[in-house]
Each structure stands twice: as structure tokens, then as C-alpha cells.
Amino acid sequence: MKTRITELLGIDHPILQAGMSWASSSSALPAAVSNAGGLGVVAAGPMYVQDFCSVLDQMAVLTDKPFAVNIPLYRPQVGEILDAMHARRVPVIIASQGGPKAHLPRFRDYGAKWIQVVSTLEHALKAEAAGVDGLVVVGTEAGGHPPANEVSTLVTVRQVLRQVSLPVIAGGGVADGWGIAALLALGADAVQLGTRFLMTHEATVHSAYKKAVLDAGVADPVLVGRRSLPVRTLNNKFAQSIFDAEQRNAPANEYEALFKKSTLRQAALDGDVDWGKVEAGQSAGLVHRIDSASEVMQALVSELSEAFARIRAIAGVPQAVTETVAT
């Protein structure tokens, strides 16, 4: 299957594993996804520089396929992280929470592709003007930090596609090949999945975190912290404490301290799924088992084929004609 993103990044399938702090702040998950024909993504956000360099060296051994590093540009020591990426010729950079323009020239020198994560049309237009190669466009269904405006993936992606000419990777609310097909039909060039890849053996988070996400329904991941930096996390004691603070209109300093007291690390590494931020998307309710990353990739590709076969049948397009056009 060929799209603007598969051609741009040199991958077999229009499927990206989202960069997830702690879950893919290691080599196992990204390498497995890349080896299966998708784009594996190392999450550099929470990593010490030395650990990050070690993971990049492991990636060079584990896969000869393209992979990416997700880097929030606001993080401390971002310069050292970018230096390490440049020195090791990371093929794809997926950046968020900061302007890309100042960083583009030196990564372009060796042919790296720069993808910017956005959640609004305004930021998409700014990224395009800065000269990035593509966009990850995220809607409110996504885990982690979705857009504060709470606009859905379908609407946000379609709005961006109408006004931006760059290749678009859509993210938020997808857990299977049918969802991938829907967003490709919408006009996206690839789809990013986070929660589905979180539920893999290779994802390096605590077993209690995985169990909590696995047990969740589609309404259990809630948007918390609308007065701060909103995060989609499972509804737990932490989330309820924030909702209570909002209900009683707690002072700003109290609210912010309460929100920052809980961390993703608490849940992901320590297994505190009551008071930690158990970040997960609404698609958690569509995932019912933990598999290997390669099994997930195989299932996604198979489901995507089934979905397109159905679309062809609805459109009355014979299989033979479609295969001729594809070749």
C-alpha cells in the first residue's frame, strides 16, 4: 500500500506507533513495529541523555528499517537530545510543543524527515509555513495530551486536510484496521496508534498500568485538568480529585499543585493506578488483549485489507480492477 507518508518515510504500511513516554522510551517496541513494516517511535520526552543515547545505539542493532524519535521541544536538555539524534542520523523526527524552524536545517543536511505534531488548524498552518515535511494531527479521543478544544479526530483532520497540502498522519480513537481505513478514506496518508501499541508485551510500563487500560471501557479515559494542561487519563482517584477541585472552584495555586502532584511515571513505572496519571485514549475500550507488537501489526494490516474489501464491494469495484490499478 502506497501513500504520501509511506513514500516519504520509506515504510511498508501507513501505520505509526505513537511515541509514548515510558512505554516506548526504550528500543523493544519501536524496533518491533519498524521490523513489521510500520514506523516505530522512540519517546525521548522523559529520558536522560545517556539512556537515550543507549536506546538509539540499540535501535541501530535491532532494526535496519526506518524509525522515529518523538521529542517535545520544550523539555530540559533538548539541545543534547537533538545533538544525539543528529550524530546518529535518526531518520525521522516527530516533534511537539515547540517551533521546528530553528532545528530544520541541520537535520535536512543528512536527509532526515521532520514531522510536527499539531492539534489545531492554526498550528498546522504554522508548521507548514516553517517548512516541515508532514504533520501528525491529533483529536480529542487520543490519550496523553489531546487538544484542549476537545474537537474530534474526524473533524480536526478533515479541517486540516482542507487547508494544508502536507502529508497528514491522523491520530486519536483508532485501535484496529477498520479505524485506519476510515481515516485513510477521510484523506489522511497514515494513522498513528498509541493505546493499541501500549497493550503489547514490548511496551515497557508496569503490568498494573496495562491491566487498568485493558479493563477500561470507552468512557473510562476522561479529560482531566481543563484549567491546566489537559490530559486524557483513566478515571481514578487522581481524576476525581481534580473534578472535585473544579466543582468547588479551588484557587489556581491549589489546583495546579494538585494536578502536578500526580505523574505519568507513578502509574507507568511504579504501578500506582489510583493516584498516577494512567494516560490512555478512548480506544482503550476497543482493546481486549495484550499481544506482541508484530501480532498487532499483522492484525492491523489484515483488518485494513478487510475494510478496503468492504469499501470496494460497496462501491461496486471488482477486485481484479482494483489490483490492476494498484499495480
C-alpha atoms as a PDB file:
ATOM      1  CA  MET A   1       0.000   0.000   0.000  1.00  0.00           C
ATOM      2  CA  LYS A   2       1.413   3.377  -1.010  1.00  0.00           C
ATOM      3  CA  THR A   3       0.560   6.796   0.381  1.00  0.00           C
ATOM      4  CA  ARG A   4       2.460  10.057   0.618  1.00  0.00           C
ATOM      5  CA  ILE A   5       3.650   9.033   4.087  1.00  0.00           C
ATOM      6  CA  THR A   6       4.811   5.508   3.171  1.00  0.00           C
ATOM      7  CA  GLU A   7       6.749   7.045   0.260  1.00  0.00           C
ATOM      8  CA  LEU A   8       8.145   9.892   2.369  1.00  0.00           C
ATOM      9  CA  LEU A   9       9.285   7.716   5.271  1.00  0.00           C
ATOM     10  CA  GLY A  10      10.143   4.514   3.395  1.00  0.00           C
ATOM     11  CA  ILE A  11       7.768   2.242   5.332  1.00  0.00           C
ATOM     12  CA  ASP A  12       5.586  -0.619   4.099  1.00  0.00           C
ATOM     13  CA  HIS A  13       2.325   0.215   5.861  1.00  0.00           C
ATOM     14  CA  PRO A  14       0.676   3.579   6.702  1.00  0.00           C
ATOM     15  CA  ILE A  15       0.813   2.745  10.401  1.00  0.00           C
ATOM     16  CA  LEU A  16       2.759   4.570  13.116  1.00  0.00           C
ATOM     17  CA  GLN A  17       3.205   3.608  16.738  1.00  0.00           C
ATOM     18  CA  ALA A  18       2.779   6.773  18.785  1.00  0.00           C
ATOM     19  CA  GLY A  19       5.674   7.963  20.901  1.00  0.00           C
ATOM     20  CA  MET A  20       4.543   7.147  24.450  1.00  0.00           C
ATOM     21  CA  SER A  21       6.592   8.220  27.444  1.00  0.00           C
ATOM     22  CA  TRP A  22       7.959   5.177  29.300  1.00  0.00           C
ATOM     23  CA  ALA A  23       6.056   2.705  27.076  1.00  0.00           C
ATOM     24  CA  SER A  24       8.311   3.408  24.087  1.00  0.00           C
ATOM     25  CA  SER A  25      11.176   5.156  25.900  1.00  0.00           C
ATOM     26  CA  SER A  26      13.130   2.027  25.066  1.00  0.00           C
ATOM     27  CA  SER A  27      14.068   0.018  22.000  1.00  0.00           C
ATOM     28  CA  ALA A  28      11.834  -3.070  22.189  1.00  0.00           C
ATOM     29  CA  LEU A  29       8.513  -1.659  20.993  1.00  0.00           C
ATOM     30  CA  PRO A  30       9.798   0.774  18.330  1.00  0.00           C
ATOM     31  CA  ALA A  31      12.144  -1.834  16.825  1.00  0.00           C
ATOM     32  CA  ALA A  32       9.395  -4.461  16.666  1.00  0.00           C
ATOM     33  CA  VAL A  33       6.965  -2.094  14.934  1.00  0.00           C
ATOM     34  CA  SER A  34       9.561  -0.938  12.421  1.00  0.00           C
ATOM     35  CA  ASN A  35      10.603  -4.521  11.672  1.00  0.00           C
ATOM     36  CA  ALA A  36       6.945  -5.326  10.977  1.00  0.00           C
ATOM     37  CA  GLY A  37       6.722  -2.605   8.342  1.00  0.00           C
ATOM     38  CA  GLY A  38       5.274   0.277  10.348  1.00  0.00           C
ATOM     39  CA  LEU A  39       7.110   3.213  11.890  1.00  0.00           C
ATOM     40  CA  GLY A  40       8.292   2.590  15.443  1.00  0.00           C
ATOM     41  CA  VAL A  41       8.772   5.703  17.560  1.00  0.00           C
ATOM     42  CA  VAL A  42      11.150   6.161  20.498  1.00  0.00           C
ATOM     43  CA  ALA A  43       9.691   8.555  23.097  1.00  0.00           C
ATOM     44  CA  ALA A  44      12.547  10.812  24.210  1.00  0.00           C
ATOM     45  CA  GLY A  45      10.402  13.004  26.474  1.00  0.00           C
ATOM     46  CA  PRO A  46      11.207  11.523  29.897  1.00  0.00           C
ATOM     47  CA  MET A  47      14.655  10.110  29.134  1.00  0.00           C
ATOM     48  CA  TYR A  48      18.060  11.067  30.493  1.00  0.00           C
ATOM     49  CA  VAL A  49      20.507  11.891  27.724  1.00  0.00           C
ATOM     50  CA  GLN A  50      22.770   8.915  28.479  1.00  0.00           C
ATOM     51  CA  ASP A  51      19.839   6.473  28.470  1.00  0.00           C
ATOM     52  CA  PHE A  52      18.521   7.990  25.253  1.00  0.00           C
ATOM     53  CA  CYS A  53      21.876   7.531  23.517  1.00  0.00           C
ATOM     54  CA  SER A  54      21.950   3.911  24.655  1.00  0.00           C
ATOM     55  CA  VAL A  55      18.488   3.288  23.192  1.00  0.00           C
ATOM     56  CA  LEU A  56      19.491   4.818  19.857  1.00  0.00           C
ATOM     57  CA  ASP A  57      22.535   2.528  19.764  1.00  0.00           C
ATOM     58  CA  GLN A  58      20.255  -0.445  20.472  1.00  0.00           C
ATOM     59  CA  MET A  59      17.916   0.607  17.663  1.00  0.00           C
ATOM     60  CA  ALA A  60      20.827   0.522  15.225  1.00  0.00           C
ATOM     61  CA  VAL A  61      21.401  -3.136  16.157  1.00  0.00           C
ATOM     62  CA  LEU A  62      17.751  -4.246  16.349  1.00  0.00           C
ATOM     63  CA  THR A  63      16.448  -2.847  13.065  1.00  0.00           C
ATOM     64  CA  ASP A  64      17.636  -1.654   9.683  1.00  0.00           C
ATOM     65  CA  LYS A  65      14.211  -0.174   8.972  1.00  0.00           C
ATOM     66  CA  PRO A  66      13.209   3.490   9.343  1.00  0.00           C
ATOM     67  CA  PHE A  67      12.213   4.606  12.834  1.00  0.00           C
ATOM     68  CA  ALA A  68      11.457   7.912  14.513  1.00  0.00           C
ATOM     69  CA  VAL A  69      12.144   9.782  17.722  1.00  0.00           C
ATOM     70  CA  ASN A  70       9.371  11.784  19.335  1.00  0.00           C
ATOM     71  CA  ILE A  71      10.785  14.857  21.050  1.00  0.00           C
ATOM     72  CA  PRO A  72       8.894  17.585  22.949  1.00  0.00           C
ATOM     73  CA  LEU A  73      10.950  20.656  22.114  1.00  0.00           C
ATOM     74  CA  TYR A  74      10.251  22.317  25.467  1.00  0.00           C
ATOM     75  CA  ARG A  75      11.926  19.595  27.579  1.00  0.00           C
ATOM     76  CA  PRO A  76      15.107  20.248  29.578  1.00  0.00           C
ATOM     77  CA  GLN A  77      18.369  19.310  27.801  1.00  0.00           C
ATOM     78  CA  VAL A  78      16.595  19.315  24.443  1.00  0.00           C
ATOM     79  CA  GLY A  79      19.796  20.545  22.802  1.00  0.00           C
ATOM     80  CA  GLU A  80      21.730  17.480  23.966  1.00  0.00           C
ATOM     81  CA  ILE A  81      18.925  15.176  22.836  1.00  0.00           C
ATOM     82  CA  LEU A  82      18.874  16.798  19.391  1.00  0.00           C
ATOM     83  CA  ASP A  83      22.677  16.575  19.190  1.00  0.00           C
ATOM     84  CA  ALA A  84      22.498  12.838  19.887  1.00  0.00           C
ATOM     85  CA  MET A  85      19.823  12.411  17.236  1.00  0.00           C
ATOM     86  CA  HIS A  86      21.885  14.311  14.700  1.00  0.00           C
ATOM     87  CA  ALA A  87      25.085  12.410  15.493  1.00  0.00           C
ATOM     88  CA  ARG A  88      23.302   9.076  14.998  1.00  0.00           C
ATOM     89  CA  ARG A  89      21.415  10.213  11.901  1.00  0.00           C
ATOM     90  CA  VAL A  90      17.910   9.481  13.204  1.00  0.00           C
ATOM     91  CA  PRO A  91      15.850   9.186  10.007  1.00  0.00           C
ATOM     92  CA  VAL A  92      12.562  10.679  11.223  1.00  0.00           C
ATOM     93  CA  ILE A  93      11.919  13.339  13.864  1.00  0.00           C
ATOM     94  CA  ILE A  94       8.428  13.739  15.294  1.00  0.00           C
ATOM     95  CA  ALA A  95       8.404  16.959  17.298  1.00  0.00           C
ATOM     96  CA  SER A  96       5.830  18.612  19.513  1.00  0.00           C
ATOM     97  CA  GLN A  97       5.356  21.548  21.867  1.00  0.00           C
ATOM     98  CA  GLY A  98       7.775  23.948  20.240  1.00  0.00           C
ATOM     99  CA  GLY A  99       8.683  25.603  16.960  1.00  0.00           C
ATOM    100  CA  PRO A 100      10.630  23.489  14.440  1.00  0.00           C
ATOM    101  CA  LYS A 101      12.082  26.188  12.200  1.00  0.00           C
ATOM    102  CA  ALA A 102      15.399  26.707  14.006  1.00  0.00           C
ATOM    103  CA  HIS A 103      16.160  22.968  14.012  1.00  0.00           C
ATOM    104  CA  LEU A 104      15.282  22.003  10.446  1.00  0.00           C
ATOM    105  CA  PRO A 105      18.457  22.961   8.504  1.00  0.00           C
ATOM    106  CA  ARG A 106      20.942  20.668  10.232  1.00  0.00           C
ATOM    107  CA  PHE A 107      18.611  17.648  10.124  1.00  0.00           C
ATOM    108  CA  ARG A 108      17.906  18.293   6.478  1.00  0.00           C
ATOM    109  CA  ASP A 109      21.654  18.159   5.845  1.00  0.00           C
ATOM    110  CA  TYR A 110      21.640  14.363   6.102  1.00  0.00           C
ATOM    111  CA  GLY A 111      18.118  13.825   4.736  1.00  0.00           C
ATOM    112  CA  ALA A 112      16.041  13.414   7.892  1.00  0.00           C
ATOM    113  CA  LYS A 113      12.301  13.944   7.658  1.00  0.00           C
ATOM    114  CA  TRP A 114      10.650  16.271  10.189  1.00  0.00           C
ATOM    115  CA  ILE A 115       7.042  15.641  11.252  1.00  0.00           C
ATOM    116  CA  GLN A 116       5.303  18.118  13.555  1.00  0.00           C
ATOM    117  CA  VAL A 117       2.528  17.148  15.978  1.00  0.00           C
ATOM    118  CA  VAL A 118      -0.427  19.566  15.937  1.00  0.00           C
ATOM    119  CA  SER A 119      -3.990  19.562  17.212  1.00  0.00           C
ATOM    120  CA  THR A 120      -5.455  22.683  15.590  1.00  0.00           C
ATOM    121  CA  LEU A 121      -5.566  24.220  12.124  1.00  0.00           C
ATOM    122  CA  GLU A 122      -3.687  27.268  13.422  1.00  0.00           C
ATOM    123  CA  HIS A 123      -0.696  25.179  14.492  1.00  0.00           C
ATOM    124  CA  ALA A 124      -0.870  23.109  11.294  1.00  0.00           C
ATOM    125  CA  LEU A 125      -0.575  26.239   9.167  1.00  0.00           C
ATOM    126  CA  LYS A 126       2.355  27.498  11.247  1.00  0.00           C
ATOM    127  CA  ALA A 127       4.158  24.171  10.909  1.00  0.00           C
ATOM    128  CA  GLU A 128       3.611  24.155   7.151  1.00  0.00           C
ATOM    129  CA  ALA A 129       4.980  27.688   6.892  1.00  0.00           C
ATOM    130  CA  ALA A 130       8.051  26.630   8.903  1.00  0.00           C
ATOM    131  CA  GLY A 131       8.844  24.007   6.246  1.00  0.00           C
ATOM    132  CA  VAL A 132       8.189  20.659   7.945  1.00  0.00           C
ATOM    133  CA  ASP A 133       7.714  17.506   5.842  1.00  0.00           C
ATOM    134  CA  GLY A 134       4.441  16.331   7.338  1.00  0.00           C
ATOM    135  CA  LEU A 135       2.032  16.541  10.257  1.00  0.00           C
ATOM    136  CA  VAL A 136       0.618  14.321  12.966  1.00  0.00           C
ATOM    137  CA  VAL A 137      -2.878  15.696  13.559  1.00  0.00           C
ATOM    138  CA  VAL A 138      -4.406  14.598  16.869  1.00  0.00           C
ATOM    139  CA  GLY A 139      -8.019  14.761  18.031  1.00  0.00           C
ATOM    140  CA  THR A 140      -9.551  14.729  21.477  1.00  0.00           C
ATOM    141  CA  GLU A 141     -10.005  10.929  21.607  1.00  0.00           C
ATOM    142  CA  ALA A 142      -6.246  10.462  21.994  1.00  0.00           C
ATOM    143  CA  GLY A 143      -4.537   9.591  25.252  1.00  0.00           C
ATOM    144  CA  GLY A 144      -1.932  11.843  26.823  1.00  0.00           C
ATOM    145  CA  HIS A 145      -2.320  15.490  25.887  1.00  0.00           C
ATOM    146  CA  PRO A 146      -5.096  15.894  23.296  1.00  0.00           C
ATOM    147  CA  PRO A 147      -6.336  19.319  22.164  1.00  0.00           C
ATOM    148  CA  ALA A 148      -7.876  21.498  24.844  1.00  0.00           C
ATOM    149  CA  ASN A 149     -10.687  22.421  22.442  1.00  0.00           C
ATOM    150  CA  GLU A 150     -11.991  18.810  22.611  1.00  0.00           C
ATOM    151  CA  VAL A 151     -12.634  18.619  18.858  1.00  0.00           C
ATOM    152  CA  SER A 152     -12.762  15.067  17.481  1.00  0.00           C
ATOM    153  CA  THR A 153     -10.166  13.444  15.246  1.00  0.00           C
ATOM    154  CA  LEU A 154     -12.581  13.222  12.297  1.00  0.00           C
ATOM    155  CA  VAL A 155     -13.341  16.944  12.373  1.00  0.00           C
ATOM    156  CA  THR A 156      -9.813  18.172  13.156  1.00  0.00           C
ATOM    157  CA  VAL A 157      -8.135  16.023  10.498  1.00  0.00           C
ATOM    158  CA  ARG A 158     -10.668  16.962   7.840  1.00  0.00           C
ATOM    159  CA  GLN A 159     -10.317  20.656   8.639  1.00  0.00           C
ATOM    160  CA  VAL A 160      -6.537  20.489   8.341  1.00  0.00           C
ATOM    161  CA  LEU A 161      -6.658  18.492   5.097  1.00  0.00           C
ATOM    162  CA  ARG A 162      -8.868  21.148   3.518  1.00  0.00           C
ATOM    163  CA  GLN A 163      -6.298  23.902   4.039  1.00  0.00           C
ATOM    164  CA  VAL A 164      -2.865  22.270   4.294  1.00  0.00           C
ATOM    165  CA  SER A 165      -1.035  20.498   1.468  1.00  0.00           C
ATOM    166  CA  LEU A 166       1.378  18.476   3.629  1.00  0.00           C
ATOM    167  CA  PRO A 167       1.051  14.709   4.170  1.00  0.00           C
ATOM    168  CA  VAL A 168      -1.066  14.072   7.260  1.00  0.00           C
ATOM    169  CA  ILE A 169      -0.841  11.316   9.864  1.00  0.00           C
ATOM    170  CA  ALA A 170      -4.101  11.140  11.823  1.00  0.00           C
ATOM    171  CA  GLY A 171      -4.225  10.124  15.471  1.00  0.00           C
ATOM    172  CA  GLY A 172      -6.824   9.578  18.163  1.00  0.00           C
ATOM    173  CA  GLY A 173      -9.551   6.986  18.666  1.00  0.00           C
ATOM    174  CA  VAL A 174      -8.146   4.192  16.496  1.00  0.00           C
ATOM    175  CA  ALA A 175      -7.434   0.655  17.712  1.00  0.00           C
ATOM    176  CA  ASP A 176      -7.871  -1.513  14.611  1.00  0.00           C
ATOM    177  CA  GLY A 177      -7.580  -1.666  10.833  1.00  0.00           C
ATOM    178  CA  TRP A 178     -11.163  -0.533  10.373  1.00  0.00           C
ATOM    179  CA  GLY A 179     -10.341   2.749  12.097  1.00  0.00           C
ATOM    180  CA  ILE A 180      -7.229   3.107   9.963  1.00  0.00           C
ATOM    181  CA  ALA A 181      -9.325   2.608   6.828  1.00  0.00           C
ATOM    182  CA  ALA A 182     -11.782   5.272   7.988  1.00  0.00           C
ATOM    183  CA  LEU A 183      -9.080   7.898   8.419  1.00  0.00           C
ATOM    184  CA  LEU A 184      -7.381   6.978   5.154  1.00  0.00           C
ATOM    185  CA  ALA A 185     -10.761   7.350   3.447  1.00  0.00           C
ATOM    186  CA  LEU A 186     -11.046  10.752   5.123  1.00  0.00           C
ATOM    187  CA  GLY A 187      -7.873  11.801   3.305  1.00  0.00           C
ATOM    188  CA  ALA A 188      -5.108  11.055   5.811  1.00  0.00           C
ATOM    189  CA  ASP A 189      -1.891   9.498   4.499  1.00  0.00           C
ATOM    190  CA  ALA A 190      -1.228   7.339   7.573  1.00  0.00           C
ATOM    191  CA  VAL A 191      -2.610   6.702  11.053  1.00  0.00           C
ATOM    192  CA  GLN A 192      -0.911   6.837  14.442  1.00  0.00           C
ATOM    193  CA  LEU A 193      -1.987   4.412  17.179  1.00  0.00           C
ATOM    194  CA  GLY A 194      -0.944   4.753  20.789  1.00  0.00           C
ATOM    195  CA  THR A 195      -3.214   2.816  23.137  1.00  0.00           C
ATOM    196  CA  ARG A 196      -3.274  -0.275  20.903  1.00  0.00           C
ATOM    197  CA  PHE A 197       0.526  -0.477  20.993  1.00  0.00           C
ATOM    198  CA  LEU A 198       0.515   0.263  24.716  1.00  0.00           C
ATOM    199  CA  MET A 199      -1.233  -3.107  25.064  1.00  0.00           C
ATOM    200  CA  THR A 200       1.768  -5.101  23.807  1.00  0.00           C
ATOM    201  CA  HIS A 201       4.337  -7.238  25.532  1.00  0.00           C
ATOM    202  CA  GLU A 202       7.112  -4.913  24.347  1.00  0.00           C
ATOM    203  CA  ALA A 203       5.627  -1.750  25.883  1.00  0.00           C
ATOM    204  CA  THR A 204       7.791  -1.008  28.918  1.00  0.00           C
ATOM    205  CA  VAL A 205       5.185   0.001  31.506  1.00  0.00           C
ATOM    206  CA  HIS A 206       4.048  -1.637  34.751  1.00  0.00           C
ATOM    207  CA  SER A 207       1.706  -4.628  34.483  1.00  0.00           C
ATOM    208  CA  ALA A 208      -0.830  -2.827  36.692  1.00  0.00           C
ATOM    209  CA  TYR A 209      -0.937   0.017  34.163  1.00  0.00           C
ATOM    210  CA  LYS A 210      -1.614  -2.404  31.316  1.00  0.00           C
ATOM    211  CA  LYS A 211      -4.308  -4.206  33.304  1.00  0.00           C
ATOM    212  CA  ALA A 212      -6.073  -0.935  34.138  1.00  0.00           C
ATOM    213  CA  VAL A 213      -6.138   0.088  30.480  1.00  0.00           C
ATOM    214  CA  LEU A 214      -7.188  -3.388  29.379  1.00  0.00           C
ATOM    215  CA  ASP A 215     -10.124  -3.328  31.809  1.00  0.00           C
ATOM    216  CA  ALA A 216     -11.262   0.146  30.732  1.00  0.00           C
ATOM    217  CA  GLY A 217     -14.360   0.904  28.684  1.00  0.00           C
ATOM    218  CA  VAL A 218     -14.564   3.606  26.035  1.00  0.00           C
ATOM    219  CA  ALA A 219     -15.900   6.165  28.548  1.00  0.00           C
ATOM    220  CA  ASP A 220     -13.293   5.487  31.245  1.00  0.00           C
ATOM    221  CA  PRO A 221     -10.479   7.611  29.753  1.00  0.00           C
ATOM    222  CA  VAL A 222     -11.524  11.122  30.785  1.00  0.00           C
ATOM    223  CA  LEU A 223     -10.135  14.573  30.045  1.00  0.00           C
ATOM    224  CA  VAL A 224      -8.658  15.964  33.239  1.00  0.00           C
ATOM    225  CA  GLY A 225      -7.153  19.350  34.030  1.00  0.00           C
ATOM    226  CA  ARG A 226      -9.016  21.764  31.811  1.00  0.00           C
ATOM    227  CA  ARG A 227      -7.639  24.621  33.933  1.00  0.00           C
ATOM    228  CA  SER A 228      -4.067  23.393  33.401  1.00  0.00           C
ATOM    229  CA  LEU A 229      -2.574  21.241  30.619  1.00  0.00           C
ATOM    230  CA  PRO A 230      -5.410  18.791  29.873  1.00  0.00           C
ATOM    231  CA  VAL A 231      -4.554  15.105  29.903  1.00  0.00           C
ATOM    232  CA  ARG A 232      -6.687  12.106  28.931  1.00  0.00           C
ATOM    233  CA  THR A 233      -6.259   9.547  31.692  1.00  0.00           C
ATOM    234  CA  LEU A 234      -8.325   6.766  33.198  1.00  0.00           C
ATOM    235  CA  ASN A 235     -10.917   7.892  35.709  1.00  0.00           C
ATOM    236  CA  ASN A 236      -9.294   7.125  39.062  1.00  0.00           C
ATOM    237  CA  LYS A 237      -8.749   8.761  42.463  1.00  0.00           C
ATOM    238  CA  PHE A 238      -6.454  11.378  40.914  1.00  0.00           C
ATOM    239  CA  ALA A 239      -9.012  12.281  38.248  1.00  0.00           C
ATOM    240  CA  GLN A 240     -11.787  12.518  40.828  1.00  0.00           C
ATOM    241  CA  SER A 241      -9.668  14.835  42.992  1.00  0.00           C
ATOM    242  CA  ILE A 242      -9.294  17.197  40.035  1.00  0.00           C
ATOM    243  CA  PHE A 243     -13.000  17.069  39.211  1.00  0.00           C
ATOM    244  CA  ASP A 244     -13.763  17.843  42.875  1.00  0.00           C
ATOM    245  CA  ALA A 245     -11.357  20.805  42.801  1.00  0.00           C
ATOM    246  CA  GLU A 246     -13.070  22.131  39.680  1.00  0.00           C
ATOM    247  CA  GLN A 247     -16.503  21.666  41.236  1.00  0.00           C
ATOM    248  CA  ARG A 248     -15.577  23.781  44.277  1.00  0.00           C
ATOM    249  CA  ASN A 249     -13.618  26.274  42.161  1.00  0.00           C
ATOM    250  CA  ALA A 250     -10.360  25.712  44.037  1.00  0.00           C
ATOM    251  CA  PRO A 251      -7.811  28.570  43.935  1.00  0.00           C
ATOM    252  CA  ALA A 252      -5.417  28.425  40.981  1.00  0.00           C
ATOM    253  CA  ASN A 253      -2.321  27.624  43.051  1.00  0.00           C
ATOM    254  CA  GLU A 254      -4.078  24.794  44.895  1.00  0.00           C
ATOM    255  CA  TYR A 255      -5.471  23.403  41.647  1.00  0.00           C
ATOM    256  CA  GLU A 256      -2.112  23.484  39.879  1.00  0.00           C
ATOM    257  CA  ALA A 257      -0.312  21.854  42.814  1.00  0.00           C
ATOM    258  CA  LEU A 258      -2.918  19.075  42.930  1.00  0.00           C
ATOM    259  CA  PHE A 259      -2.641  18.490  39.187  1.00  0.00           C
ATOM    260  CA  LYS A 260       1.161  18.362  39.215  1.00  0.00           C
ATOM    261  CA  LYS A 261       1.304  16.114  42.286  1.00  0.00           C
ATOM    262  CA  SER A 262       0.268  13.148  40.157  1.00  0.00           C
ATOM    263  CA  THR A 263       2.548  11.957  37.351  1.00  0.00           C
ATOM    264  CA  LEU A 264       2.552   9.510  34.480  1.00  0.00           C
ATOM    265  CA  ARG A 265       5.673   7.928  35.961  1.00  0.00           C
ATOM    266  CA  GLN A 266       3.697   6.970  39.098  1.00  0.00           C
ATOM    267  CA  ALA A 267       1.434   4.781  37.032  1.00  0.00           C
ATOM    268  CA  ALA A 268       3.751   3.678  34.237  1.00  0.00           C
ATOM    269  CA  LEU A 269       6.778   2.689  36.313  1.00  0.00           C
ATOM    270  CA  ASP A 270       5.528   2.351  39.894  1.00  0.00           C
ATOM    271  CA  GLY A 271       2.137   0.824  39.083  1.00  0.00           C
ATOM    272  CA  ASP A 272       0.145   3.349  41.114  1.00  0.00           C
ATOM    273  CA  VAL A 273      -3.014   3.293  39.003  1.00  0.00           C
ATOM    274  CA  ASP A 274      -5.116   5.005  41.698  1.00  0.00           C
ATOM    275  CA  TRP A 275      -3.193   8.258  42.041  1.00  0.00           C
ATOM    276  CA  GLY A 276      -0.949   8.221  38.966  1.00  0.00           C
ATOM    277  CA  LYS A 277      -1.882   9.570  35.546  1.00  0.00           C
ATOM    278  CA  VAL A 278      -2.914   6.437  33.650  1.00  0.00           C
ATOM    279  CA  GLU A 279      -2.770   8.008  30.206  1.00  0.00           C
ATOM    280  CA  ALA A 280      -4.845   6.194  27.582  1.00  0.00           C
ATOM    281  CA  GLY A 281      -7.134   7.059  24.694  1.00  0.00           C
ATOM    282  CA  GLN A 282     -10.837   6.326  24.301  1.00  0.00           C
ATOM    283  CA  SER A 283      -9.841   3.399  22.083  1.00  0.00           C
ATOM    284  CA  ALA A 284      -8.863   1.541  25.281  1.00  0.00           C
ATOM    285  CA  GLY A 285     -12.413   0.225  25.276  1.00  0.00           C
ATOM    286  CA  LEU A 286     -11.753  -1.421  21.900  1.00  0.00           C
ATOM    287  CA  VAL A 287      -8.676  -3.361  23.044  1.00  0.00           C
ATOM    288  CA  HIS A 288      -9.284  -6.663  24.810  1.00  0.00           C
ATOM    289  CA  ARG A 289      -5.932  -8.446  24.847  1.00  0.00           C
ATOM    290  CA  ILE A 290      -2.201  -7.969  25.097  1.00  0.00           C
ATOM    291  CA  ASP A 291      -0.233  -9.223  22.092  1.00  0.00           C
ATOM    292  CA  SER A 292       3.239  -8.883  20.684  1.00  0.00           C
ATOM    293  CA  ALA A 293       3.847  -5.808  18.542  1.00  0.00           C
ATOM    294  CA  SER A 294       4.321  -7.961  15.447  1.00  0.00           C
ATOM    295  CA  GLU A 295       0.961  -9.677  16.090  1.00  0.00           C
ATOM    296  CA  VAL A 296      -0.688  -6.279  16.424  1.00  0.00           C
ATOM    297  CA  MET A 297       0.835  -5.143  13.133  1.00  0.00           C
ATOM    298  CA  GLN A 298      -0.319  -8.325  11.378  1.00  0.00           C
ATOM    299  CA  ALA A 299      -3.853  -7.863  12.721  1.00  0.00           C
ATOM    300  CA  LEU A 300      -3.967  -4.184  11.719  1.00  0.00           C
ATOM    301  CA  VAL A 301      -2.852  -4.940   8.160  1.00  0.00           C
ATOM    302  CA  SER A 302      -5.334  -7.818   7.847  1.00  0.00           C
ATOM    303  CA  GLU A 303      -8.211  -5.723   9.205  1.00  0.00           C
ATOM    304  CA  LEU A 304      -7.265  -2.861   6.909  1.00  0.00           C
ATOM    305  CA  SER A 305      -7.480  -5.216   3.934  1.00  0.00           C
ATOM    306  CA  GLU A 306     -10.893  -6.435   5.085  1.00  0.00           C
ATOM    307  CA  ALA A 307     -12.128  -2.873   5.456  1.00  0.00           C
ATOM    308  CA  PHE A 308     -10.991  -1.907   1.976  1.00  0.00           C
ATOM    309  CA  ALA A 309     -12.557  -5.049   0.518  1.00  0.00           C
ATOM    310  CA  ARG A 310     -15.865  -3.957   2.029  1.00  0.00           C
ATOM    311  CA  ILE A 311     -15.465  -0.455   0.609  1.00  0.00           C
ATOM    312  CA  ARG A 312     -14.746  -1.914  -2.825  1.00  0.00           C
ATOM    313  CA  ALA A 313     -17.841  -4.084  -2.573  1.00  0.00           C
ATOM    314  CA  ILE A 314     -20.000  -1.118  -1.574  1.00  0.00           C
ATOM    315  CA  ALA A 315     -18.591   0.911  -4.468  1.00  0.00           C
ATOM    316  CA  GLY A 316     -19.103  -1.965  -6.893  1.00  0.00           C
ATOM    317  CA  VAL A 317     -15.425  -2.066  -7.862  1.00  0.00           C
ATOM    318  CA  PRO A 318     -14.314  -5.544  -8.968  1.00  0.00           C
ATOM    319  CA  GLN A 319     -11.293  -6.950  -7.119  1.00  0.00           C
ATOM    320  CA  ALA A 320      -9.390  -7.576 -10.355  1.00  0.00           C
ATOM    321  CA  VAL A 321      -9.819  -3.952 -11.455  1.00  0.00           C
ATOM    322  CA  THR A 322      -8.555  -2.659  -8.132  1.00  0.00           C
ATOM    323  CA  GLU A 323      -5.499  -4.921  -8.259  1.00  0.00           C
ATOM    324  CA  THR A 324      -4.721  -3.717 -11.801  1.00  0.00           C
ATOM    325  CA  VAL A 325      -4.935  -0.090 -10.731  1.00  0.00           C
ATOM    326  CA  ALA A 326      -2.766  -0.779  -7.667  1.00  0.00           C
ATOM    327  CA  THR A 327      -0.001  -2.321  -9.741  1.00  0.00           C
END
